[in-house]
Amino acid sequence: MPTPWPSGAGGRQASAKALLLTVFGEFVLPDGRPAWTSTLLHVLGGLGMEEKSARQALSRMAADGWISSERSGRRVRWALTRRGREFLAEGAERIYAFGRRRESWDGRWVVLITTVPESRRELRHQLRAGLSWAGFGSPVPGVWVSPHAAREAEAKQVVEGLGLELSAYSFNGPYAGIGSERTLVDQAWHLGELAAQYQGFLQEFAGLRPKPGDPVLLAQIRLVHAWRRFPRLDPELPLELLPPDWIGVRAANVFNDLHDTWRPAARTRWSELCTD
């Protein structure tokens, strides 16, 4: 029985659906050609997924409207729907741009105050997920902060989308004289835990040199799949607010270097599998 490939540090197992999204985003989206079922089963099998799980994941993605099937004789291939292309294109833009640059900081913060009753746990979860994806951290309950003042627009979209605009308030400006920004950052984002995640990523991939063919194709998928979680975990704080020699900078350099190095050989192998 194949062993499911763990998604990065912590030993969490990658689901077949999540891996398929990575494969479609990395290869099908830029290539523009549908992928044969046999190609997808071959790749997921190489990543340790059982065929049954892979087929079920394809069915779920089709039911969710991300992909559609088309038959060619006895064979079936899968294409991204318009919805799937838009979804993956948005994610790809954030994933591949993440960590490539850190703009200079003007010292301003955006502060959002909003509360959701404990009885509405699903709404609280949606609020946290939306604001975390926008790079906000919460130092104390009901308060969200970001050193990227321009992201107030994203926070507004989240709040209005959840119908919370009548109970939310925002402020924009520099840090004042009470307390310290370092303490605020530590309480809002728990950088020690994030650093451990980056360390796990580096231990898994730094120095890896896969051979041509399936090894480099599978390594590229593992690399992207492991990296895609960091835009949700890392708020990309200005360097002024980070510890010296922040490990996230090194991890981003390793990802970009490996992704650029492996991409030609990985896409060559993908093209071979798609034309069999």
Protein backbone atom coordinates (compact mmCIF):
# COMPACT_ATOMS: atom_id res chain seq x y z
CA MET A 1 0.00 0.00 0.00
CA PRO A 2 1.48 3.40 -0.97
CA THR A 3 2.25 5.85 1.81
CA PRO A 4 0.59 9.26 1.35
CA TRP A 5 3.17 11.98 0.90
CA PRO A 6 3.24 14.38 3.89
CA SER A 7 2.63 18.03 3.06
CA GLY A 8 5.62 19.77 4.59
CA ALA A 9 6.59 20.12 8.21
CA GLY A 10 4.47 18.52 10.88
CA GLY A 11 3.75 15.32 8.97
CA ARG A 12 0.30 16.41 7.81
CA GLN A 13 -0.88 14.26 4.96
CA ALA A 14 -1.69 15.87 1.65
CA SER A 15 -5.15 15.00 0.32
CA ALA A 16 -5.60 13.78 -3.23
CA LYS A 17 -7.82 16.76 -4.04
CA ALA A 18 -5.25 19.25 -2.73
CA LEU A 19 -2.49 17.59 -4.75
CA LEU A 20 -4.64 17.63 -7.88
CA LEU A 21 -5.18 21.36 -7.45
CA THR A 22 -1.42 21.78 -7.28
CA VAL A 23 -0.93 19.68 -10.42
CA PHE A 24 -3.61 21.56 -12.37
CA GLY A 25 -2.25 24.91 -11.24
CA GLU A 26 1.38 24.08 -12.02
CA PHE A 27 0.95 22.26 -15.33
CA VAL A 28 -2.56 22.27 -16.81
CA LEU A 29 -3.21 25.99 -16.27
CA PRO A 30 -0.08 27.31 -18.07
CA ASP A 31 -0.03 24.49 -20.64
CA GLY A 32 -3.65 25.00 -21.65
CA ARG A 33 -4.11 21.33 -22.66
CA PRO A 34 -6.39 18.85 -20.88
CA ALA A 35 -4.74 16.05 -18.90
CA TRP A 36 -5.48 12.37 -19.42
CA THR A 37 -6.86 10.42 -16.49
CA SER A 38 -3.92 8.04 -16.89
CA THR A 39 -1.47 10.94 -16.57
CA LEU A 40 -3.08 12.22 -13.39
CA LEU A 41 -3.26 8.73 -11.87
CA HIS A 42 0.40 8.15 -12.73
CA VAL A 43 1.48 11.39 -11.07
CA LEU A 44 -0.63 10.96 -7.95
CA GLY A 45 0.50 7.35 -7.69
CA GLY A 46 4.08 8.61 -7.69
CA LEU A 47 3.13 10.86 -4.79
CA GLY A 48 1.77 7.92 -2.83
CA MET A 49 -1.95 8.25 -3.54
CA GLU A 50 -4.07 5.19 -4.19
CA GLU A 51 -5.94 5.09 -7.49
CA LYS A 52 -9.33 4.99 -5.77
CA SER A 53 -8.57 8.17 -3.83
CA ALA A 54 -7.31 9.91 -6.98
CA ARG A 55 -10.43 9.01 -8.96
CA GLN A 56 -12.68 10.16 -6.13
CA ALA A 57 -10.80 13.46 -6.00
CA LEU A 58 -11.31 13.98 -9.74
CA SER A 59 -15.02 13.35 -9.31
CA ARG A 60 -15.23 15.82 -6.43
CA MET A 61 -13.38 18.51 -8.39
CA ALA A 62 -15.76 18.00 -11.31
CA ALA A 63 -18.77 18.18 -8.99
CA ASP A 64 -17.40 21.43 -7.54
CA GLY A 65 -17.17 22.90 -11.02
CA TRP A 66 -13.36 23.21 -11.22
CA ILE A 67 -12.82 20.70 -14.05
CA SER A 68 -14.81 18.96 -16.77
CA SER A 69 -14.24 15.67 -18.58
CA GLU A 70 -14.16 14.91 -22.27
CA ARG A 71 -13.92 11.48 -23.86
CA SER A 72 -11.60 10.49 -26.70
CA GLY A 73 -12.34 6.90 -27.66
CA ARG A 74 -11.91 4.85 -24.50
CA ARG A 75 -9.82 7.48 -22.82
CA VAL A 76 -10.92 10.47 -20.73
CA ARG A 77 -9.13 13.74 -20.25
CA TRP A 78 -9.80 16.61 -17.88
CA ALA A 79 -9.85 20.33 -18.65
CA LEU A 80 -10.18 23.31 -16.37
CA THR A 81 -13.51 25.08 -16.49
CA ARG A 82 -13.61 28.86 -16.64
CA ARG A 83 -14.26 28.90 -12.92
CA GLY A 84 -11.32 26.58 -12.33
CA ARG A 85 -8.97 28.68 -14.45
CA GLU A 86 -9.94 31.87 -12.64
CA PHE A 87 -9.57 30.23 -9.25
CA LEU A 88 -6.15 28.74 -9.98
CA ALA A 89 -4.88 31.85 -11.79
CA GLU A 90 -5.65 33.97 -8.73
CA GLY A 91 -3.93 31.47 -6.46
CA ALA A 92 -0.92 31.11 -8.76
CA GLU A 93 -0.39 34.85 -8.86
CA ARG A 94 -0.20 34.96 -5.07
CA ILE A 95 1.85 31.78 -4.63
CA TYR A 96 4.54 32.52 -7.21
CA ALA A 97 4.87 36.20 -6.32
CA PHE A 98 5.00 35.50 -2.60
CA GLY A 99 8.35 36.29 -1.00
CA ARG A 100 9.97 37.71 -4.14
CA ARG A 101 10.00 41.27 -2.86
CA ARG A 102 9.39 43.24 0.32
CA GLU A 103 8.46 46.85 -0.22
CA SER A 104 9.79 49.63 1.98
CA TRP A 105 7.52 50.42 4.92
CA ASP A 106 6.15 53.85 5.73
CA GLY A 107 5.48 52.95 9.38
CA ARG A 108 1.69 53.03 9.10
CA TRP A 109 -0.68 50.40 10.44
CA VAL A 110 -4.30 49.60 9.71
CA VAL A 111 -6.32 48.55 12.78
CA LEU A 112 -9.69 46.84 12.48
CA ILE A 113 -12.05 46.36 15.41
CA THR A 114 -14.91 43.94 14.96
CA THR A 115 -16.57 41.39 17.20
CA VAL A 116 -18.63 38.31 16.46
CA PRO A 117 -20.64 36.55 19.18
CA GLU A 118 -19.23 33.23 20.39
CA SER A 119 -22.53 31.61 19.42
CA ARG A 120 -21.80 32.33 15.73
CA ARG A 121 -18.71 30.17 15.45
CA GLU A 122 -18.93 29.61 11.71
CA LEU A 123 -19.02 33.36 11.11
CA ARG A 124 -16.04 33.81 13.44
CA HIS A 125 -14.15 31.17 11.49
CA GLN A 126 -14.96 32.85 8.15
CA LEU A 127 -13.83 36.22 9.49
CA ARG A 128 -10.55 34.79 10.77
CA ALA A 129 -9.89 32.92 7.53
CA GLY A 130 -10.61 35.96 5.37
CA LEU A 131 -8.55 38.41 7.40
CA SER A 132 -5.67 35.96 7.83
CA TRP A 133 -5.51 35.46 4.05
CA ALA A 134 -5.35 39.27 3.72
CA GLY A 135 -2.32 39.27 6.05
CA PHE A 136 -3.99 40.51 9.25
CA GLY A 137 -3.08 39.25 12.72
CA SER A 138 -5.08 39.41 15.92
CA PRO A 139 -3.11 40.42 19.07
CA VAL A 140 -6.27 40.34 21.23
CA PRO A 141 -9.84 39.15 20.53
CA GLY A 142 -11.80 41.56 18.36
CA VAL A 143 -8.75 43.48 17.14
CA TRP A 144 -6.97 42.87 13.81
CA VAL A 145 -3.84 44.67 12.62
CA SER A 146 -1.66 44.87 9.53
CA PRO A 147 1.42 46.98 8.72
CA HIS A 148 0.22 47.05 5.11
CA ALA A 149 -2.13 50.01 5.28
CA ALA A 150 -3.29 49.45 1.70
CA ARG A 151 -4.85 46.14 2.72
CA GLU A 152 -7.66 47.97 4.46
CA ALA A 153 -9.56 47.53 1.19
CA GLU A 154 -9.23 43.74 1.45
CA ALA A 155 -10.40 43.83 5.06
CA LYS A 156 -13.40 45.91 4.00
CA GLN A 157 -14.34 43.30 1.40
CA VAL A 158 -14.15 40.53 4.01
CA VAL A 159 -16.21 42.46 6.56
CA GLU A 160 -18.87 43.53 4.08
CA GLY A 161 -19.03 40.05 2.56
CA LEU A 162 -19.92 38.66 5.98
CA GLY A 163 -22.44 41.42 6.76
CA LEU A 164 -20.40 42.86 9.64
CA GLU A 165 -19.88 46.40 8.35
CA LEU A 166 -22.26 47.95 10.92
CA SER A 167 -20.21 46.59 13.84
CA ALA A 168 -16.68 47.17 12.50
CA TYR A 169 -14.35 50.15 12.77
CA SER A 170 -10.95 50.83 11.22
CA PHE A 171 -8.08 53.21 11.90
CA ASN A 172 -4.99 54.00 9.88
CA GLY A 173 -1.77 55.60 11.10
CA PRO A 174 1.63 55.19 12.78
CA TYR A 175 2.27 53.31 16.00
CA ALA A 176 1.95 55.51 19.11
CA GLY A 177 4.02 55.61 22.30
CA ILE A 178 2.43 52.93 24.49
CA GLY A 179 3.87 49.41 24.44
CA SER A 180 6.14 48.12 21.66
CA GLU A 181 5.62 47.07 18.07
CA ARG A 182 7.73 43.95 18.72
CA THR A 183 5.28 42.74 21.39
CA LEU A 184 2.37 43.53 19.11
CA VAL A 185 3.90 41.46 16.31
CA ASP A 186 4.67 38.53 18.62
CA GLN A 187 1.11 38.41 19.91
CA ALA A 188 -0.52 38.85 16.50
CA TRP A 189 1.46 36.37 14.42
CA HIS A 190 3.50 33.91 16.58
CA LEU A 191 6.59 34.13 14.40
CA GLY A 192 8.32 31.30 16.26
CA GLU A 193 5.76 28.81 14.96
CA LEU A 194 6.07 30.24 11.45
CA ALA A 195 9.87 29.97 11.60
CA ALA A 196 9.52 26.28 12.50
CA GLN A 197 7.35 25.75 9.42
CA TYR A 198 9.98 27.40 7.24
CA GLN A 199 12.70 25.28 8.83
CA GLY A 200 10.76 22.14 7.94
CA PHE A 201 10.44 23.34 4.36
CA LEU A 202 14.18 23.96 4.08
CA GLN A 203 15.04 20.59 5.59
CA GLU A 204 12.84 18.88 3.02
CA PHE A 205 13.96 20.70 -0.12
CA ALA A 206 17.23 22.64 0.28
CA GLY A 207 19.98 20.69 -1.48
CA LEU A 208 17.54 18.32 -3.24
CA ARG A 209 18.71 17.39 -6.76
CA PRO A 210 16.13 15.17 -8.50
CA LYS A 211 17.00 13.24 -11.66
CA PRO A 212 15.23 13.91 -14.99
CA GLY A 213 11.91 12.24 -15.75
CA ASP A 214 9.42 11.38 -13.03
CA PRO A 215 11.75 12.35 -10.13
CA VAL A 216 11.99 16.01 -11.16
CA LEU A 217 8.28 16.18 -12.05
CA LEU A 218 7.25 14.80 -8.66
CA ALA A 219 9.78 16.99 -6.85
CA GLN A 220 8.35 20.09 -8.53
CA ILE A 221 4.83 19.16 -7.44
CA ARG A 222 5.98 18.52 -3.87
CA LEU A 223 7.85 21.83 -3.83
CA VAL A 224 4.89 23.91 -5.01
CA HIS A 225 2.44 22.03 -2.82
CA ALA A 226 4.56 22.62 0.28
CA TRP A 227 5.09 26.29 -0.58
CA ARG A 228 1.48 27.15 -1.38
CA ARG A 229 0.50 27.19 2.30
CA PHE A 230 2.91 29.99 3.25
CA PRO A 231 0.96 32.91 1.74
CA ARG A 232 -1.78 32.03 4.22
CA LEU A 233 0.61 31.62 7.16
CA ASP A 234 3.05 34.48 6.54
CA PRO A 235 1.74 38.08 6.52
CA GLU A 236 4.93 39.28 4.74
CA LEU A 237 5.79 41.75 7.47
CA PRO A 238 8.23 44.54 6.68
CA LEU A 239 11.84 43.65 7.48
CA GLU A 240 11.80 46.30 10.22
CA LEU A 241 9.33 44.15 12.18
CA LEU A 242 11.07 40.79 11.66
CA PRO A 243 13.90 39.13 13.62
CA PRO A 244 17.39 39.58 12.13
CA ASP A 245 18.21 37.14 9.31
CA TRP A 246 14.56 36.09 9.06
CA ILE A 247 14.37 32.48 7.85
CA GLY A 248 11.42 33.26 5.59
CA VAL A 249 13.71 35.24 3.29
CA ARG A 250 16.00 32.25 2.83
CA ALA A 251 13.06 29.90 2.31
CA ALA A 252 11.63 32.16 -0.41
CA ASN A 253 15.00 32.25 -2.18
CA VAL A 254 15.26 28.45 -2.05
CA PHE A 255 11.74 28.01 -3.43
CA ASN A 256 12.27 30.46 -6.29
CA ASP A 257 15.68 29.02 -7.21
CA LEU A 258 14.49 25.40 -7.19
CA HIS A 259 11.21 26.16 -8.97
CA ASP A 260 13.01 28.01 -11.76
CA THR A 261 15.71 25.31 -12.00
CA TRP A 262 13.37 22.32 -12.10
CA ARG A 263 10.60 23.84 -14.24
CA PRO A 264 11.98 23.08 -17.75
CA ALA A 265 12.66 19.39 -17.03
CA ALA A 266 9.40 18.98 -15.08
CA ARG A 267 7.34 20.45 -17.91
CA THR A 268 9.15 18.32 -20.46
CA ARG A 269 8.20 15.19 -18.52
CA TRP A 270 4.62 16.43 -18.10
CA SER A 271 4.36 16.99 -21.85
CA GLU A 272 5.63 13.47 -22.51
CA LEU A 273 2.97 11.99 -20.21
CA CYS A 274 0.22 14.05 -21.82
CA THR A 275 1.07 12.91 -25.33
CA ASP A 276 1.33 9.17 -24.61
